[in-house]
Amino acid sequence: MDERNWERIGASAGIAFVVLSLLGGFIYPQQPRVDSAAATTLHWVHAHRTAIQTGMVLGTFASGIFLWFVALLRTALSRAERGADRLASIVFASGVAGAALGLLGGLPNLVLAYMDAQPGGLQDPAIVRMLGDLNSVLFGILVPVSMVFLTALGIAMLGGLIGSRWLGWVSLVAAACNAISVVTSLTFSTYHGAIWTIPAWAAFLGLLVVVLVLSVTMLRRAGQSTEGRPATMAAA
């Protein structure tokens, strides 16, 4: 496979990740707040079971496809760093870890949906509570990995190794929102108001913006002639 086709596949994977993440994330209403009664969570699962299962399927594909995009980032950064692979290694490792944790993060809701569909349904409120809380905990574990990914990528863009400087700042702001989300998701065992969900949504949407813009930039470059290409993946 030549370089341009490799870039096309990797960049297209990044765009596909964004589309699948948006579809999977908004195909069903947000889970009831963390201190809701088990009956409330169970009613949410029962009312949106098909949508939850569909969202988990979309999320699974998104996590797998994301690996192609992360591999392209590693190639681009390694070339720009002339083999030093400092930021390239961090971006690649955190991207792979994020994809794996993204798969695990959807399991609690998927198990709830499966159990609700079984004969007799899901009756034990303790199990409902445990799986609902586990969803928040797994999200809290994923967030710092995403923070590392966005921080390393932001530093690379500010240093002119890839992308553009303005996108580097977007990446760092999204990383900061992830840092706040670590605290709120792992320490808040009760509801503290909708305002605390803002950093989490900002981090999620910030990640998608960074991936989308980088993917479009790389896809555009892949369609250009290889003659006269710069050594880095910086945007025109």
C-alpha atoms as a PDB file:
ATOM      1  CA  MET A   1       0.000   0.000   0.000  1.00  0.00           C
ATOM      2  CA  ASP A   2       1.480   3.349  -0.995  1.00  0.00           C
ATOM      3  CA  GLU A   3       1.641   6.351   1.300  1.00  0.00           C
ATOM      4  CA  ARG A   4      -1.301   8.230  -0.165  1.00  0.00           C
ATOM      5  CA  ASN A   5      -3.665   5.252   0.129  1.00  0.00           C
ATOM      6  CA  TRP A   6      -2.509   4.690   3.729  1.00  0.00           C
ATOM      7  CA  GLU A   7      -3.297   8.322   4.514  1.00  0.00           C
ATOM      8  CA  ARG A   8      -6.686   8.112   2.814  1.00  0.00           C
ATOM      9  CA  ILE A   9      -7.678   5.052   4.833  1.00  0.00           C
ATOM     10  CA  GLY A  10      -6.439   6.488   8.130  1.00  0.00           C
ATOM     11  CA  ALA A  11      -8.043   9.889   7.556  1.00  0.00           C
ATOM     12  CA  SER A  12     -11.328   8.312   6.423  1.00  0.00           C
ATOM     13  CA  ALA A  13     -11.260   6.176   9.585  1.00  0.00           C
ATOM     14  CA  GLY A  14     -11.023   9.353  11.656  1.00  0.00           C
ATOM     15  CA  ILE A  15     -14.090  10.816   9.943  1.00  0.00           C
ATOM     16  CA  ALA A  16     -15.976   7.538  10.357  1.00  0.00           C
ATOM     17  CA  PHE A  17     -15.081   7.519  14.067  1.00  0.00           C
ATOM     18  CA  VAL A  18     -16.609  10.969  14.514  1.00  0.00           C
ATOM     19  CA  VAL A  19     -19.809  10.044  12.665  1.00  0.00           C
ATOM     20  CA  LEU A  20     -20.264   6.753  14.542  1.00  0.00           C
ATOM     21  CA  SER A  21     -19.481   8.398  17.895  1.00  0.00           C
ATOM     22  CA  LEU A  22     -22.125  11.075  17.325  1.00  0.00           C
ATOM     23  CA  LEU A  23     -24.715   8.533  16.224  1.00  0.00           C
ATOM     24  CA  GLY A  24     -23.908   6.178  19.092  1.00  0.00           C
ATOM     25  CA  GLY A  25     -23.813   8.971  21.662  1.00  0.00           C
ATOM     26  CA  PHE A  26     -27.086  10.677  20.750  1.00  0.00           C
ATOM     27  CA  ILE A  27     -29.275   7.805  19.550  1.00  0.00           C
ATOM     28  CA  TYR A  28     -30.796   7.478  23.026  1.00  0.00           C
ATOM     29  CA  PRO A  29     -31.407   9.926  25.902  1.00  0.00           C
ATOM     30  CA  GLN A  30     -28.775  10.424  28.562  1.00  0.00           C
ATOM     31  CA  GLN A  31     -28.733   7.909  31.402  1.00  0.00           C
ATOM     32  CA  PRO A  32     -30.598   9.013  34.568  1.00  0.00           C
ATOM     33  CA  ARG A  33     -28.470  10.877  37.079  1.00  0.00           C
ATOM     34  CA  VAL A  34     -26.181   8.888  39.319  1.00  0.00           C
ATOM     35  CA  ASP A  35     -28.310   9.069  42.460  1.00  0.00           C
ATOM     36  CA  SER A  36     -31.573   8.120  40.742  1.00  0.00           C
ATOM     37  CA  ALA A  37     -33.628   5.259  42.088  1.00  0.00           C
ATOM     38  CA  ALA A  38     -32.981   1.865  40.541  1.00  0.00           C
ATOM     39  CA  ALA A  39     -36.548   1.866  39.218  1.00  0.00           C
ATOM     40  CA  THR A  40     -35.844   5.069  37.286  1.00  0.00           C
ATOM     41  CA  THR A  41     -32.755   3.577  35.648  1.00  0.00           C
ATOM     42  CA  LEU A  42     -34.620   0.367  34.864  1.00  0.00           C
ATOM     43  CA  HIS A  43     -37.468   2.308  33.249  1.00  0.00           C
ATOM     44  CA  TRP A  44     -34.896   4.182  31.118  1.00  0.00           C
ATOM     45  CA  VAL A  45     -33.334   0.901  29.987  1.00  0.00           C
ATOM     46  CA  HIS A  46     -36.694  -0.685  29.190  1.00  0.00           C
ATOM     47  CA  ALA A  47     -37.924   2.344  27.235  1.00  0.00           C
ATOM     48  CA  HIS A  48     -34.763   2.677  25.139  1.00  0.00           C
ATOM     49  CA  ARG A  49     -33.429  -0.888  25.027  1.00  0.00           C
ATOM     50  CA  THR A  50     -33.174  -1.150  21.238  1.00  0.00           C
ATOM     51  CA  ALA A  51     -31.555   2.265  20.948  1.00  0.00           C
ATOM     52  CA  ILE A  52     -29.051   1.407  23.694  1.00  0.00           C
ATOM     53  CA  GLN A  53     -28.071  -1.820  21.951  1.00  0.00           C
ATOM     54  CA  THR A  54     -27.743   0.000  18.624  1.00  0.00           C
ATOM     55  CA  GLY A  55     -25.649   2.698  20.244  1.00  0.00           C
ATOM     56  CA  MET A  56     -23.332   0.103  21.753  1.00  0.00           C
ATOM     57  CA  VAL A  57     -22.857  -1.540  18.337  1.00  0.00           C
ATOM     58  CA  LEU A  58     -22.024   1.818  16.770  1.00  0.00           C
ATOM     59  CA  GLY A  59     -19.652   2.598  19.637  1.00  0.00           C
ATOM     60  CA  THR A  60     -17.904  -0.754  19.181  1.00  0.00           C
ATOM     61  CA  PHE A  61     -17.257  -0.038  15.516  1.00  0.00           C
ATOM     62  CA  ALA A  62     -16.131   3.495  16.383  1.00  0.00           C
ATOM     63  CA  SER A  63     -13.531   2.214  18.855  1.00  0.00           C
ATOM     64  CA  GLY A  64     -12.156  -0.276  16.346  1.00  0.00           C
ATOM     65  CA  ILE A  65     -11.991   2.230  13.500  1.00  0.00           C
ATOM     66  CA  PHE A  66     -10.281   4.759  15.774  1.00  0.00           C
ATOM     67  CA  LEU A  67      -7.221   2.485  15.835  1.00  0.00           C
ATOM     68  CA  TRP A  68      -6.621   3.115  12.126  1.00  0.00           C
ATOM     69  CA  PHE A  69      -6.657   6.858  12.703  1.00  0.00           C
ATOM     70  CA  VAL A  70      -4.314   6.569  15.687  1.00  0.00           C
ATOM     71  CA  ALA A  71      -1.893   4.508  13.586  1.00  0.00           C
ATOM     72  CA  LEU A  72      -1.880   7.278  10.968  1.00  0.00           C
ATOM     73  CA  LEU A  73      -1.149   9.855  13.664  1.00  0.00           C
ATOM     74  CA  ARG A  74       1.793   7.808  14.859  1.00  0.00           C
ATOM     75  CA  THR A  75       3.218   7.595  11.326  1.00  0.00           C
ATOM     76  CA  ALA A  76       2.797  11.349  10.776  1.00  0.00           C
ATOM     77  CA  LEU A  77       4.281  12.334  14.130  1.00  0.00           C
ATOM     78  CA  SER A  78       7.155   9.872  13.864  1.00  0.00           C
ATOM     79  CA  ARG A  79       8.059  11.372  10.491  1.00  0.00           C
ATOM     80  CA  ALA A  80       7.806  14.901  11.854  1.00  0.00           C
ATOM     81  CA  GLU A  81       9.910  14.035  14.926  1.00  0.00           C
ATOM     82  CA  ARG A  82      12.498  12.386  12.654  1.00  0.00           C
ATOM     83  CA  GLY A  83      12.302   9.071  14.453  1.00  0.00           C
ATOM     84  CA  ALA A  84      12.506  10.451  18.006  1.00  0.00           C
ATOM     85  CA  ASP A  85       8.931   9.214  18.588  1.00  0.00           C
ATOM     86  CA  ARG A  86       8.404  11.084  21.851  1.00  0.00           C
ATOM     87  CA  LEU A  87       4.956  12.525  21.240  1.00  0.00           C
ATOM     88  CA  ALA A  88       4.220   9.867  18.622  1.00  0.00           C
ATOM     89  CA  SER A  89       4.563   7.131  21.240  1.00  0.00           C
ATOM     90  CA  ILE A  90       2.348   8.933  23.760  1.00  0.00           C
ATOM     91  CA  VAL A  91      -0.365   9.650  21.193  1.00  0.00           C
ATOM     92  CA  PHE A  92      -0.310   6.063  19.923  1.00  0.00           C
ATOM     93  CA  ALA A  93      -0.314   4.426  23.369  1.00  0.00           C
ATOM     94  CA  SER A  94      -3.075   6.651  24.772  1.00  0.00           C
ATOM     95  CA  GLY A  95      -5.111   6.271  21.578  1.00  0.00           C
ATOM     96  CA  VAL A  96      -4.975   2.469  21.747  1.00  0.00           C
ATOM     97  CA  ALA A  97      -5.787   2.513  25.466  1.00  0.00           C
ATOM     98  CA  GLY A  98      -8.672   4.906  24.833  1.00  0.00           C
ATOM     99  CA  ALA A  99     -10.132   2.631  22.160  1.00  0.00           C
ATOM    100  CA  ALA A 100      -9.940  -0.373  24.501  1.00  0.00           C
ATOM    101  CA  LEU A 101     -11.509   1.491  27.414  1.00  0.00           C
ATOM    102  CA  GLY A 102     -14.166   2.875  25.099  1.00  0.00           C
ATOM    103  CA  LEU A 103     -15.209  -0.697  24.350  1.00  0.00           C
ATOM    104  CA  LEU A 104     -15.326  -1.592  28.051  1.00  0.00           C
ATOM    105  CA  GLY A 105     -17.165   1.603  28.954  1.00  0.00           C
ATOM    106  CA  GLY A 106     -20.260   0.577  27.044  1.00  0.00           C
ATOM    107  CA  LEU A 107     -20.575  -2.865  28.626  1.00  0.00           C
ATOM    108  CA  PRO A 108     -22.632  -1.949  31.733  1.00  0.00           C
ATOM    109  CA  ASN A 109     -25.465  -0.374  29.739  1.00  0.00           C
ATOM    110  CA  LEU A 110     -25.318  -3.189  27.201  1.00  0.00           C
ATOM    111  CA  VAL A 111     -25.607  -5.784  29.985  1.00  0.00           C
ATOM    112  CA  LEU A 112     -28.563  -3.866  31.416  1.00  0.00           C
ATOM    113  CA  ALA A 113     -30.265  -3.939  28.025  1.00  0.00           C
ATOM    114  CA  TYR A 114     -29.600  -7.656  27.558  1.00  0.00           C
ATOM    115  CA  MET A 115     -30.849  -8.545  31.029  1.00  0.00           C
ATOM    116  CA  ASP A 116     -33.972  -6.430  30.544  1.00  0.00           C
ATOM    117  CA  ALA A 117     -34.732  -8.399  27.360  1.00  0.00           C
ATOM    118  CA  GLN A 118     -34.527 -11.801  29.092  1.00  0.00           C
ATOM    119  CA  PRO A 119     -37.654 -13.670  30.265  1.00  0.00           C
ATOM    120  CA  GLY A 120     -38.782 -12.106  33.515  1.00  0.00           C
ATOM    121  CA  GLY A 121     -36.724  -9.027  32.870  1.00  0.00           C
ATOM    122  CA  LEU A 122     -34.365  -7.445  35.396  1.00  0.00           C
ATOM    123  CA  GLN A 123     -35.863  -7.273  38.875  1.00  0.00           C
ATOM    124  CA  ASP A 124     -32.951  -6.929  41.318  1.00  0.00           C
ATOM    125  CA  PRO A 125     -32.465  -3.207  42.142  1.00  0.00           C
ATOM    126  CA  ALA A 126     -28.968  -3.906  43.514  1.00  0.00           C
ATOM    127  CA  ILE A 127     -27.806  -5.194  40.117  1.00  0.00           C
ATOM    128  CA  VAL A 128     -29.367  -2.210  38.363  1.00  0.00           C
ATOM    129  CA  ARG A 129     -27.613   0.144  40.764  1.00  0.00           C
ATOM    130  CA  MET A 130     -24.281  -1.669  40.406  1.00  0.00           C
ATOM    131  CA  LEU A 131     -24.302  -1.590  36.597  1.00  0.00           C
ATOM    132  CA  GLY A 132     -25.468   2.024  36.526  1.00  0.00           C
ATOM    133  CA  ASP A 133     -22.669   3.077  38.860  1.00  0.00           C
ATOM    134  CA  LEU A 134     -20.142   0.972  36.949  1.00  0.00           C
ATOM    135  CA  ASN A 135     -20.950   2.942  33.818  1.00  0.00           C
ATOM    136  CA  SER A 136     -19.893   6.162  35.573  1.00  0.00           C
ATOM    137  CA  VAL A 137     -16.755   4.573  37.029  1.00  0.00           C
ATOM    138  CA  LEU A 138     -15.584   3.211  33.681  1.00  0.00           C
ATOM    139  CA  PHE A 139     -16.164   6.613  32.117  1.00  0.00           C
ATOM    140  CA  GLY A 140     -14.012   8.113  34.856  1.00  0.00           C
ATOM    141  CA  ILE A 141     -11.201   5.691  33.975  1.00  0.00           C
ATOM    142  CA  LEU A 142     -11.430   6.511  30.255  1.00  0.00           C
ATOM    143  CA  VAL A 143     -11.299  10.271  30.790  1.00  0.00           C
ATOM    144  CA  PRO A 144      -7.646  10.600  31.951  1.00  0.00           C
ATOM    145  CA  VAL A 145      -6.498   8.489  28.986  1.00  0.00           C
ATOM    146  CA  SER A 146      -8.337  10.857  26.654  1.00  0.00           C
ATOM    147  CA  MET A 147      -6.739  13.757  28.541  1.00  0.00           C
ATOM    148  CA  VAL A 148      -3.240  12.396  27.837  1.00  0.00           C
ATOM    149  CA  PHE A 149      -4.103  11.819  24.166  1.00  0.00           C
ATOM    150  CA  LEU A 150      -5.423  15.354  23.674  1.00  0.00           C
ATOM    151  CA  THR A 151      -2.567  16.951  25.623  1.00  0.00           C
ATOM    152  CA  ALA A 152       0.139  15.210  23.600  1.00  0.00           C
ATOM    153  CA  LEU A 153      -1.675  15.960  20.360  1.00  0.00           C
ATOM    154  CA  GLY A 154      -2.153  19.603  21.365  1.00  0.00           C
ATOM    155  CA  ILE A 155       1.553  20.000  22.155  1.00  0.00           C
ATOM    156  CA  ALA A 156       2.415  18.458  18.789  1.00  0.00           C
ATOM    157  CA  MET A 157       0.134  20.877  16.947  1.00  0.00           C
ATOM    158  CA  LEU A 158       1.422  23.914  18.832  1.00  0.00           C
ATOM    159  CA  GLY A 159       4.936  22.780  17.945  1.00  0.00           C
ATOM    160  CA  GLY A 160       4.079  22.674  14.246  1.00  0.00           C
ATOM    161  CA  LEU A 161       4.498  18.907  13.928  1.00  0.00           C
ATOM    162  CA  ILE A 162       0.947  18.256  12.743  1.00  0.00           C
ATOM    163  CA  GLY A 163      -2.297  20.119  12.135  1.00  0.00           C
ATOM    164  CA  SER A 164      -2.527  23.802  13.036  1.00  0.00           C
ATOM    165  CA  ARG A 165      -1.910  25.938  16.115  1.00  0.00           C
ATOM    166  CA  TRP A 166      -5.541  26.935  16.676  1.00  0.00           C
ATOM    167  CA  LEU A 167      -6.532  23.284  16.712  1.00  0.00           C
ATOM    168  CA  GLY A 168      -3.735  22.646  19.199  1.00  0.00           C
ATOM    169  CA  TRP A 169      -5.357  25.098  21.600  1.00  0.00           C
ATOM    170  CA  VAL A 170      -8.742  23.413  21.096  1.00  0.00           C
ATOM    171  CA  SER A 171      -7.097  20.093  21.945  1.00  0.00           C
ATOM    172  CA  LEU A 172      -5.568  21.473  25.155  1.00  0.00           C
ATOM    173  CA  VAL A 173      -8.864  23.043  26.246  1.00  0.00           C
ATOM    174  CA  ALA A 174     -10.604  19.704  25.679  1.00  0.00           C
ATOM    175  CA  ALA A 175      -7.852  18.019  27.711  1.00  0.00           C
ATOM    176  CA  ALA A 176      -8.485  20.464  30.568  1.00  0.00           C
ATOM    177  CA  CYS A 177     -12.199  19.632  30.440  1.00  0.00           C
ATOM    178  CA  ASN A 178     -11.245  15.972  30.712  1.00  0.00           C
ATOM    179  CA  ALA A 179      -9.223  16.751  33.827  1.00  0.00           C
ATOM    180  CA  ILE A 180     -12.289  18.314  35.447  1.00  0.00           C
ATOM    181  CA  SER A 181     -14.404  15.333  34.399  1.00  0.00           C
ATOM    182  CA  VAL A 182     -12.039  12.951  36.182  1.00  0.00           C
ATOM    183  CA  VAL A 183     -12.895  14.628  39.481  1.00  0.00           C
ATOM    184  CA  THR A 184     -16.639  14.858  38.890  1.00  0.00           C
ATOM    185  CA  SER A 185     -17.059  11.297  37.594  1.00  0.00           C
ATOM    186  CA  LEU A 186     -14.968   9.538  40.253  1.00  0.00           C
ATOM    187  CA  THR A 187     -15.776  11.579  43.367  1.00  0.00           C
ATOM    188  CA  PHE A 188     -19.422  12.636  42.931  1.00  0.00           C
ATOM    189  CA  SER A 189     -21.613   9.782  44.211  1.00  0.00           C
ATOM    190  CA  THR A 190     -24.713  11.967  44.119  1.00  0.00           C
ATOM    191  CA  TYR A 191     -26.178  14.575  41.790  1.00  0.00           C
ATOM    192  CA  HIS A 192     -24.554  18.022  41.870  1.00  0.00           C
ATOM    193  CA  GLY A 193     -26.469  19.820  39.141  1.00  0.00           C
ATOM    194  CA  ALA A 194     -26.413  19.840  35.354  1.00  0.00           C
ATOM    195  CA  ILE A 195     -23.559  22.354  35.272  1.00  0.00           C
ATOM    196  CA  TRP A 196     -21.098  19.598  36.190  1.00  0.00           C
ATOM    197  CA  THR A 197     -21.943  17.731  32.978  1.00  0.00           C
ATOM    198  CA  ILE A 198     -20.676  20.650  30.870  1.00  0.00           C
ATOM    199  CA  PRO A 199     -16.948  19.728  31.128  1.00  0.00           C
ATOM    200  CA  ALA A 200     -17.688  16.129  30.135  1.00  0.00           C
ATOM    201  CA  TRP A 201     -19.647  17.172  27.054  1.00  0.00           C
ATOM    202  CA  ALA A 202     -17.043  19.801  26.170  1.00  0.00           C
ATOM    203  CA  ALA A 203     -14.302  17.163  26.403  1.00  0.00           C
ATOM    204  CA  PHE A 204     -16.252  14.712  24.236  1.00  0.00           C
ATOM    205  CA  LEU A 205     -17.161  17.255  21.562  1.00  0.00           C
ATOM    206  CA  GLY A 206     -13.657  18.754  21.679  1.00  0.00           C
ATOM    207  CA  LEU A 207     -12.153  15.343  20.931  1.00  0.00           C
ATOM    208  CA  LEU A 208     -14.488  14.905  17.971  1.00  0.00           C
ATOM    209  CA  VAL A 209     -13.642  18.360  16.607  1.00  0.00           C
ATOM    210  CA  VAL A 210      -9.903  17.669  16.824  1.00  0.00           C
ATOM    211  CA  VAL A 211     -10.214  14.269  15.144  1.00  0.00           C
ATOM    212  CA  LEU A 212     -12.537  15.583  12.431  1.00  0.00           C
ATOM    213  CA  VAL A 213     -10.400  18.594  11.479  1.00  0.00           C
ATOM    214  CA  LEU A 214      -7.194  16.542  11.449  1.00  0.00           C
ATOM    215  CA  SER A 215      -8.871  13.821   9.383  1.00  0.00           C
ATOM    216  CA  VAL A 216     -10.184  16.269   6.790  1.00  0.00           C
ATOM    217  CA  THR A 217      -6.764  17.946   6.580  1.00  0.00           C
ATOM    218  CA  MET A 218      -4.970  14.641   6.072  1.00  0.00           C
ATOM    219  CA  LEU A 219      -7.540  13.415   3.561  1.00  0.00           C
ATOM    220  CA  ARG A 220      -7.132  16.606   1.554  1.00  0.00           C
ATOM    221  CA  ARG A 221      -3.367  16.240   1.585  1.00  0.00           C
ATOM    222  CA  ALA A 222      -3.608  12.602   0.516  1.00  0.00           C
ATOM    223  CA  GLY A 223      -5.407  13.736  -2.626  1.00  0.00           C
ATOM    224  CA  GLN A 224      -2.597  16.072  -3.580  1.00  0.00           C
ATOM    225  CA  SER A 225       0.507  15.149  -5.508  1.00  0.00           C
ATOM    226  CA  THR A 226       3.374  13.761  -3.448  1.00  0.00           C
ATOM    227  CA  GLU A 227       5.717  16.190  -5.195  1.00  0.00           C
ATOM    228  CA  GLY A 228       6.744  19.077  -3.007  1.00  0.00           C
ATOM    229  CA  ARG A 229       5.085  17.751   0.145  1.00  0.00           C
ATOM    230  CA  PRO A 230       6.495  19.126   3.389  1.00  0.00           C
ATOM    231  CA  ALA A 231       8.058  16.716   5.871  1.00  0.00           C
ATOM    232  CA  THR A 232       5.327  17.338   8.451  1.00  0.00           C
ATOM    233  CA  MET A 233       1.568  17.019   8.355  1.00  0.00           C
ATOM    234  CA  ALA A 234       0.970  20.702   9.064  1.00  0.00           C
ATOM    235  CA  ALA A 235      -2.147  22.180   7.574  1.00  0.00           C
ATOM    236  CA  ALA A 236      -1.840  24.465   4.595  1.00  0.00           C
END
